[in-house]
């Protein structure tokens, strides 16, 4: 499986990242741009590349991502999960280190819906007794 392309999906909030990895020189593209150009915040760049750092494979794989929906942070977390899953498919020996850093666990937190008769999900209009 070393020469073939491995494709996986990562999700976080409303963001979906379709990740493809193959043997290469360490190129990391998100929606046709370099990862440093796509994600503006340093923390999101570190999140997206964390699985490669944890497994010490920064210069081993070329990563191609199509990120859809959500915001920048949600997309970065979706890329992180999709990349971790792809690395796991490429080499089962990565599982303990990826699991140790929590990269294989889907974050289930979603935005709570707004309720009728309220301004937001949990906020209430001011109560007036009289």
N, C-alpha and C. Protein backbone atom coordinates (compact mmCIF):
# COMPACT_ATOMS: atom_id res chain seq x y z
N UNK A 1 0.82 -1.21 0.00
CA UNK A 1 0.00 0.00 0.00
C UNK A 1 0.85 1.26 0.00
N UNK A 2 2.16 1.12 0.00
CA UNK A 2 3.05 2.27 0.13
C UNK A 2 2.95 3.22 -1.06
N UNK A 3 2.77 2.69 -2.27
CA UNK A 3 2.75 3.55 -3.45
C UNK A 3 1.35 4.06 -3.80
N UNK A 4 0.32 3.44 -3.23
CA UNK A 4 -1.04 3.85 -3.57
C UNK A 4 -1.48 5.07 -2.75
N UNK A 5 -2.59 5.64 -3.17
CA UNK A 5 -3.15 6.79 -2.48
C UNK A 5 -4.16 6.29 -1.45
N UNK A 6 -4.06 6.80 -0.25
CA UNK A 6 -4.98 6.44 0.83
C UNK A 6 -5.91 7.62 1.06
N UNK A 7 -7.23 7.38 1.03
CA UNK A 7 -8.22 8.44 1.21
C UNK A 7 -9.06 8.17 2.44
N UNK A 8 -9.23 9.21 3.27
CA UNK A 8 -10.06 9.11 4.47
C UNK A 8 -10.83 10.40 4.65
N UNK A 9 -11.75 10.40 5.63
CA UNK A 9 -12.57 11.58 5.91
C UNK A 9 -12.46 11.91 7.39
N UNK A 10 -12.34 13.20 7.70
CA UNK A 10 -12.36 13.67 9.08
C UNK A 10 -13.46 14.70 9.24
N UNK A 11 -14.11 14.72 10.41
CA UNK A 11 -15.19 15.67 10.65
C UNK A 11 -15.03 16.35 12.00
N UNK A 12 -15.50 17.60 12.07
CA UNK A 12 -15.52 18.35 13.32
C UNK A 12 -16.52 19.47 13.17
N UNK A 13 -17.49 19.59 14.09
CA UNK A 13 -18.58 20.55 13.98
C UNK A 13 -19.25 20.37 12.62
N UNK A 14 -19.32 21.41 11.80
CA UNK A 14 -19.91 21.28 10.47
C UNK A 14 -18.87 21.17 9.37
N UNK A 15 -17.62 20.99 9.73
CA UNK A 15 -16.54 20.90 8.75
C UNK A 15 -16.27 19.45 8.39
N UNK A 16 -15.98 19.23 7.11
CA UNK A 16 -15.62 17.90 6.61
C UNK A 16 -14.32 18.05 5.82
N UNK A 17 -13.36 17.17 6.09
CA UNK A 17 -12.09 17.20 5.36
C UNK A 17 -11.87 15.85 4.70
N UNK A 18 -11.73 15.87 3.38
CA UNK A 18 -11.41 14.66 2.62
C UNK A 18 -9.89 14.66 2.43
N UNK A 19 -9.23 13.70 3.04
CA UNK A 19 -7.77 13.67 3.07
C UNK A 19 -7.26 12.53 2.21
N UNK A 20 -6.25 12.83 1.38
CA UNK A 20 -5.57 11.81 0.58
C UNK A 20 -4.08 11.92 0.85
N UNK A 21 -3.44 10.79 1.15
CA UNK A 21 -1.99 10.80 1.36
C UNK A 21 -1.34 9.78 0.44
N UNK A 22 -0.10 10.08 0.05
CA UNK A 22 0.71 9.14 -0.72
C UNK A 22 2.17 9.36 -0.37
N UNK A 23 3.01 8.38 -0.66
CA UNK A 23 4.45 8.51 -0.43
C UNK A 23 4.94 9.74 -1.19
N UNK A 24 5.80 10.52 -0.55
CA UNK A 24 6.28 11.73 -1.21
C UNK A 24 7.36 12.43 -0.43
N UNK A 25 7.36 13.76 -0.54
CA UNK A 25 8.44 14.56 0.03
C UNK A 25 7.98 15.49 1.15
N UNK A 26 6.70 15.42 1.52
CA UNK A 26 6.23 16.26 2.61
C UNK A 26 5.39 17.44 2.17
N UNK A 27 4.87 17.43 0.95
CA UNK A 27 4.01 18.51 0.48
C UNK A 27 2.66 18.41 1.19
N UNK A 28 2.11 19.54 1.65
CA UNK A 28 0.84 19.55 2.39
C UNK A 28 -0.05 20.62 1.77
N UNK A 29 -1.07 20.19 1.02
CA UNK A 29 -1.96 21.11 0.32
C UNK A 29 -3.38 21.01 0.87
N UNK A 30 -3.99 22.18 1.13
CA UNK A 30 -5.39 22.23 1.58
C UNK A 30 -6.15 23.11 0.58
N UNK A 31 -7.12 22.54 -0.08
CA UNK A 31 -7.91 23.25 -1.10
C UNK A 31 -7.02 23.95 -2.13
N UNK A 32 -5.96 23.29 -2.56
CA UNK A 32 -5.08 23.82 -3.59
C UNK A 32 -4.05 24.83 -3.10
N UNK A 33 -4.00 25.09 -1.79
CA UNK A 33 -3.03 26.03 -1.24
C UNK A 33 -2.14 25.31 -0.24
N UNK A 34 -0.95 25.85 -0.02
CA UNK A 34 -0.08 25.33 1.03
C UNK A 34 -0.79 25.49 2.37
N UNK A 35 -0.54 24.58 3.31
CA UNK A 35 -1.23 24.62 4.60
C UNK A 35 -0.97 25.93 5.33
N UNK A 36 0.24 26.51 5.20
CA UNK A 36 0.56 27.78 5.86
C UNK A 36 -0.20 28.95 5.25
N UNK A 37 -0.55 28.84 3.97
CA UNK A 37 -1.30 29.91 3.31
C UNK A 37 -2.81 29.77 3.55
N UNK A 38 -3.29 28.53 3.71
CA UNK A 38 -4.72 28.30 3.88
C UNK A 38 -5.18 28.65 5.28
N UNK A 39 -4.48 28.13 6.30
CA UNK A 39 -4.83 28.43 7.68
C UNK A 39 -4.02 29.64 8.13
N UNK A 40 -4.71 30.67 8.62
CA UNK A 40 -4.05 31.92 8.97
C UNK A 40 -3.47 31.90 10.37
N UNK A 41 -4.10 31.17 11.28
CA UNK A 41 -3.65 31.12 12.67
C UNK A 41 -2.64 29.99 12.85
N UNK A 42 -1.58 30.28 13.58
CA UNK A 42 -0.52 29.30 13.80
C UNK A 42 -1.05 28.04 14.51
N UNK A 43 -1.97 28.22 15.45
CA UNK A 43 -2.51 27.08 16.19
C UNK A 43 -3.23 26.11 15.25
N UNK A 44 -3.91 26.63 14.23
CA UNK A 44 -4.62 25.77 13.29
C UNK A 44 -3.66 25.03 12.37
N UNK A 45 -2.54 25.65 12.04
CA UNK A 45 -1.50 24.97 11.24
C UNK A 45 -0.91 23.83 12.06
N UNK A 46 -0.65 24.08 13.34
CA UNK A 46 -0.09 23.04 14.22
C UNK A 46 -1.09 21.90 14.40
N UNK A 47 -2.38 22.23 14.56
CA UNK A 47 -3.41 21.20 14.69
C UNK A 47 -3.46 20.31 13.46
N UNK A 48 -3.48 20.93 12.29
CA UNK A 48 -3.62 20.19 11.03
C UNK A 48 -2.43 19.26 10.79
N UNK A 49 -1.25 19.67 11.21
CA UNK A 49 -0.04 18.87 10.96
C UNK A 49 0.34 17.98 12.14
N UNK A 50 -0.42 18.01 13.23
CA UNK A 50 -0.07 17.26 14.44
C UNK A 50 0.10 15.75 14.20
N UNK A 51 -0.78 15.08 13.44
CA UNK A 51 -0.57 13.64 13.24
C UNK A 51 0.78 13.31 12.59
N UNK A 52 1.23 14.15 11.66
CA UNK A 52 2.54 13.92 11.04
C UNK A 52 3.66 14.11 12.05
N UNK A 53 3.51 15.12 12.92
CA UNK A 53 4.52 15.39 13.94
C UNK A 53 4.61 14.25 14.94
N UNK A 54 3.45 13.77 15.39
CA UNK A 54 3.39 12.71 16.39
C UNK A 54 4.04 11.42 15.86
N UNK A 55 3.81 11.13 14.58
CA UNK A 55 4.33 9.89 13.99
C UNK A 55 5.69 10.08 13.31
N UNK A 56 6.24 11.29 13.35
CA UNK A 56 7.54 11.63 12.73
C UNK A 56 7.57 11.28 11.24
N UNK A 57 6.51 11.66 10.53
CA UNK A 57 6.42 11.38 9.09
C UNK A 57 6.21 12.66 8.27
N UNK A 58 6.77 13.78 8.74
CA UNK A 58 6.56 15.06 8.05
C UNK A 58 7.09 15.04 6.62
N UNK A 59 8.22 14.36 6.37
CA UNK A 59 8.85 14.35 5.04
C UNK A 59 8.61 13.04 4.29
N UNK A 60 7.70 12.20 4.80
CA UNK A 60 7.48 10.89 4.19
C UNK A 60 6.27 10.90 3.25
N UNK A 61 5.22 11.65 3.63
CA UNK A 61 3.97 11.63 2.87
C UNK A 61 3.66 12.99 2.27
N UNK A 62 3.03 12.96 1.07
CA UNK A 62 2.41 14.14 0.50
C UNK A 62 0.94 14.09 0.90
N UNK A 63 0.41 15.22 1.39
CA UNK A 63 -0.96 15.27 1.89
C UNK A 63 -1.76 16.24 1.03
N UNK A 64 -2.94 15.78 0.58
CA UNK A 64 -3.84 16.60 -0.21
C UNK A 64 -5.20 16.58 0.46
N UNK A 65 -5.73 17.77 0.78
CA UNK A 65 -6.97 17.86 1.54
C UNK A 65 -7.98 18.73 0.80
N UNK A 66 -9.25 18.29 0.83
CA UNK A 66 -10.35 19.14 0.38
C UNK A 66 -11.21 19.38 1.61
N UNK A 67 -11.20 20.61 2.11
CA UNK A 67 -11.95 20.97 3.32
C UNK A 67 -13.21 21.72 2.93
N UNK A 68 -14.33 21.30 3.52
CA UNK A 68 -15.63 21.89 3.20
C UNK A 68 -16.36 22.25 4.49
N UNK A 69 -17.13 23.33 4.46
CA UNK A 69 -18.02 23.68 5.56
C UNK A 69 -17.31 24.15 6.81
N UNK A 70 -18.09 24.69 7.74
CA UNK A 70 -17.55 25.13 9.02
C UNK A 70 -16.63 26.32 8.91
N UNK A 71 -15.88 26.55 9.97
CA UNK A 71 -14.93 27.66 10.00
C UNK A 71 -13.50 27.13 9.99
N UNK A 72 -12.57 28.04 10.19
CA UNK A 72 -11.15 27.67 10.09
C UNK A 72 -10.74 26.65 11.14
N UNK A 73 -11.16 26.85 12.39
CA UNK A 73 -10.78 25.94 13.46
C UNK A 73 -11.42 24.56 13.27
N UNK A 74 -12.69 24.53 12.90
CA UNK A 74 -13.36 23.26 12.65
C UNK A 74 -12.71 22.50 11.51
N UNK A 75 -12.33 23.21 10.46
CA UNK A 75 -11.66 22.58 9.33
C UNK A 75 -10.29 22.04 9.74
N UNK A 76 -9.56 22.79 10.55
CA UNK A 76 -8.25 22.33 11.02
C UNK A 76 -8.38 21.04 11.82
N UNK A 77 -9.39 20.98 12.70
CA UNK A 77 -9.61 19.76 13.48
C UNK A 77 -10.08 18.60 12.60
N UNK A 78 -10.86 18.90 11.57
CA UNK A 78 -11.31 17.86 10.64
C UNK A 78 -10.12 17.31 9.85
N UNK A 79 -9.22 18.19 9.43
CA UNK A 79 -8.00 17.76 8.73
C UNK A 79 -7.16 16.88 9.64
N UNK A 80 -7.05 17.28 10.91
CA UNK A 80 -6.27 16.52 11.89
C UNK A 80 -6.81 15.09 12.00
N UNK A 81 -8.11 14.95 12.11
CA UNK A 81 -8.70 13.62 12.27
C UNK A 81 -8.56 12.79 10.99
N UNK A 82 -8.83 13.40 9.85
CA UNK A 82 -8.72 12.68 8.58
C UNK A 82 -7.30 12.22 8.31
N UNK A 83 -6.33 13.06 8.63
CA UNK A 83 -4.92 12.71 8.44
C UNK A 83 -4.51 11.59 9.38
N UNK A 84 -4.97 11.65 10.62
CA UNK A 84 -4.66 10.59 11.58
C UNK A 84 -5.22 9.25 11.10
N UNK A 85 -6.44 9.27 10.57
CA UNK A 85 -7.05 8.04 10.06
C UNK A 85 -6.28 7.50 8.86
N UNK A 86 -5.82 8.40 7.98
CA UNK A 86 -5.06 7.98 6.81
C UNK A 86 -3.72 7.36 7.22
N UNK A 87 -3.06 7.97 8.19
CA UNK A 87 -1.79 7.42 8.67
C UNK A 87 -2.01 6.05 9.32
N UNK A 88 -3.11 5.87 10.00
CA UNK A 88 -3.43 4.59 10.63
C UNK A 88 -3.62 3.50 9.56
N UNK A 89 -4.28 3.86 8.45
CA UNK A 89 -4.47 2.90 7.36
C UNK A 89 -3.12 2.55 6.73
N UNK A 90 -2.24 3.54 6.61
CA UNK A 90 -0.94 3.30 5.98
C UNK A 90 -0.04 2.44 6.85
N UNK A 91 -0.14 2.58 8.19
CA UNK A 91 0.73 1.81 9.08
C UNK A 91 0.03 1.62 10.43
N UNK A 92 -0.33 0.39 10.75
CA UNK A 92 -1.03 0.08 12.00
C UNK A 92 -0.17 0.38 13.24
N UNK A 93 1.14 0.44 13.07
CA UNK A 93 2.05 0.67 14.21
C UNK A 93 1.90 2.09 14.78
N UNK A 94 1.26 2.98 14.04
CA UNK A 94 1.06 4.35 14.51
C UNK A 94 -0.08 4.45 15.53
N UNK A 95 -0.89 3.41 15.65
CA UNK A 95 -2.11 3.48 16.47
C UNK A 95 -1.86 3.90 17.92
N UNK A 96 -0.89 3.32 18.64
CA UNK A 96 -0.70 3.73 20.05
C UNK A 96 -0.37 5.21 20.21
N UNK A 97 0.52 5.73 19.36
CA UNK A 97 0.90 7.14 19.50
C UNK A 97 -0.24 8.06 19.09
N UNK A 98 -0.97 7.72 18.04
CA UNK A 98 -2.12 8.54 17.62
C UNK A 98 -3.21 8.51 18.69
N UNK A 99 -3.43 7.33 19.28
CA UNK A 99 -4.44 7.19 20.32
C UNK A 99 -4.03 7.97 21.57
N UNK A 100 -2.75 7.95 21.91
CA UNK A 100 -2.25 8.64 23.09
C UNK A 100 -2.52 10.14 23.03
N UNK A 101 -2.41 10.72 21.84
CA UNK A 101 -2.65 12.16 21.67
C UNK A 101 -4.11 12.47 21.33
N UNK A 102 -4.98 11.46 21.35
CA UNK A 102 -6.41 11.66 21.12
C UNK A 102 -6.76 12.06 19.70
N UNK A 103 -5.97 11.61 18.73
CA UNK A 103 -6.18 12.03 17.35
C UNK A 103 -7.18 11.14 16.60
N UNK A 104 -7.55 10.01 17.18
CA UNK A 104 -8.47 9.10 16.51
C UNK A 104 -9.89 9.21 17.04
N UNK A 105 -10.11 10.06 18.04
CA UNK A 105 -11.42 10.20 18.65
C UNK A 105 -12.16 11.39 18.05
N UNK A 106 -13.38 11.15 17.57
CA UNK A 106 -14.21 12.21 16.99
C UNK A 106 -14.73 13.09 18.11
N UNK A 107 -14.57 14.40 17.98
CA UNK A 107 -15.10 15.34 18.97
C UNK A 107 -16.60 15.51 18.69
N UNK A 108 -17.47 15.05 19.58
CA UNK A 108 -18.91 15.04 19.28
C UNK A 108 -19.61 16.37 19.49
N UNK A 109 -18.92 17.37 20.03
CA UNK A 109 -19.60 18.63 20.36
C UNK A 109 -20.07 19.36 19.10
N UNK A 110 -21.35 19.74 19.11
CA UNK A 110 -21.94 20.46 17.99
C UNK A 110 -22.62 21.71 18.53
N UNK A 111 -22.96 22.64 17.65
CA UNK A 111 -23.65 23.85 18.05
C UNK A 111 -25.07 23.49 18.47
N UNK A 112 -25.50 24.01 19.60
CA UNK A 112 -26.85 23.75 20.09
C UNK A 112 -27.83 24.63 19.31
N UNK A 113 -28.98 24.05 18.98
CA UNK A 113 -29.94 24.80 18.17
C UNK A 113 -30.63 25.89 18.99
N UNK A 114 -31.06 26.94 18.28
CA UNK A 114 -31.82 28.01 18.89
C UNK A 114 -33.23 27.50 19.15
N UNK A 115 -33.80 27.85 20.33
CA UNK A 115 -35.15 27.44 20.66
C UNK A 115 -36.12 28.59 20.41
N UNK A 116 -37.35 28.25 20.09
CA UNK A 116 -38.36 29.27 19.84
C UNK A 116 -38.68 30.00 21.14
N UNK A 117 -39.05 31.27 21.05
CA UNK A 117 -39.37 32.07 22.23
C UNK A 117 -38.15 32.52 22.99
N UNK A 118 -36.96 32.31 22.42
CA UNK A 118 -35.71 32.71 23.06
C UNK A 118 -34.84 33.40 22.02
N UNK A 119 -33.96 34.31 22.47
CA UNK A 119 -33.11 34.98 21.49
C UNK A 119 -32.00 34.08 20.94
N UNK A 120 -31.50 33.12 21.76
CA UNK A 120 -30.43 32.21 21.33
C UNK A 120 -30.70 30.83 21.95
N UNK A 121 -29.71 29.95 21.88
CA UNK A 121 -29.92 28.58 22.35
C UNK A 121 -30.21 28.53 23.85
N UNK A 122 -29.44 29.26 24.65
CA UNK A 122 -29.62 29.21 26.11
C UNK A 122 -30.04 30.55 26.71
N UNK A 123 -29.79 31.62 25.98
CA UNK A 123 -30.14 32.95 26.49
C UNK A 123 -31.66 33.10 26.57
N UNK A 124 -32.12 33.80 27.58
CA UNK A 124 -33.56 34.03 27.75
C UNK A 124 -33.85 35.52 27.71
N UNK A 125 -35.09 35.85 27.32
CA UNK A 125 -35.51 37.24 27.44
C UNK A 125 -35.68 37.55 28.91
N UNK A 126 -35.47 38.82 29.30
CA UNK A 126 -35.55 39.21 30.70
C UNK A 126 -36.95 38.94 31.24
N UNK A 127 -37.02 38.34 32.43
CA UNK A 127 -38.28 38.01 33.06
C UNK A 127 -38.80 39.23 33.81
N UNK A 128 -40.05 39.56 33.60
CA UNK A 128 -40.67 40.67 34.30
C UNK A 128 -41.86 40.14 35.09
N UNK A 129 -41.78 40.25 36.42
CA UNK A 129 -42.87 39.74 37.26
C UNK A 129 -44.11 40.64 37.14
N UNK A 130 -43.91 41.93 36.97
CA UNK A 130 -45.04 42.87 36.85
C UNK A 130 -44.92 43.69 35.59
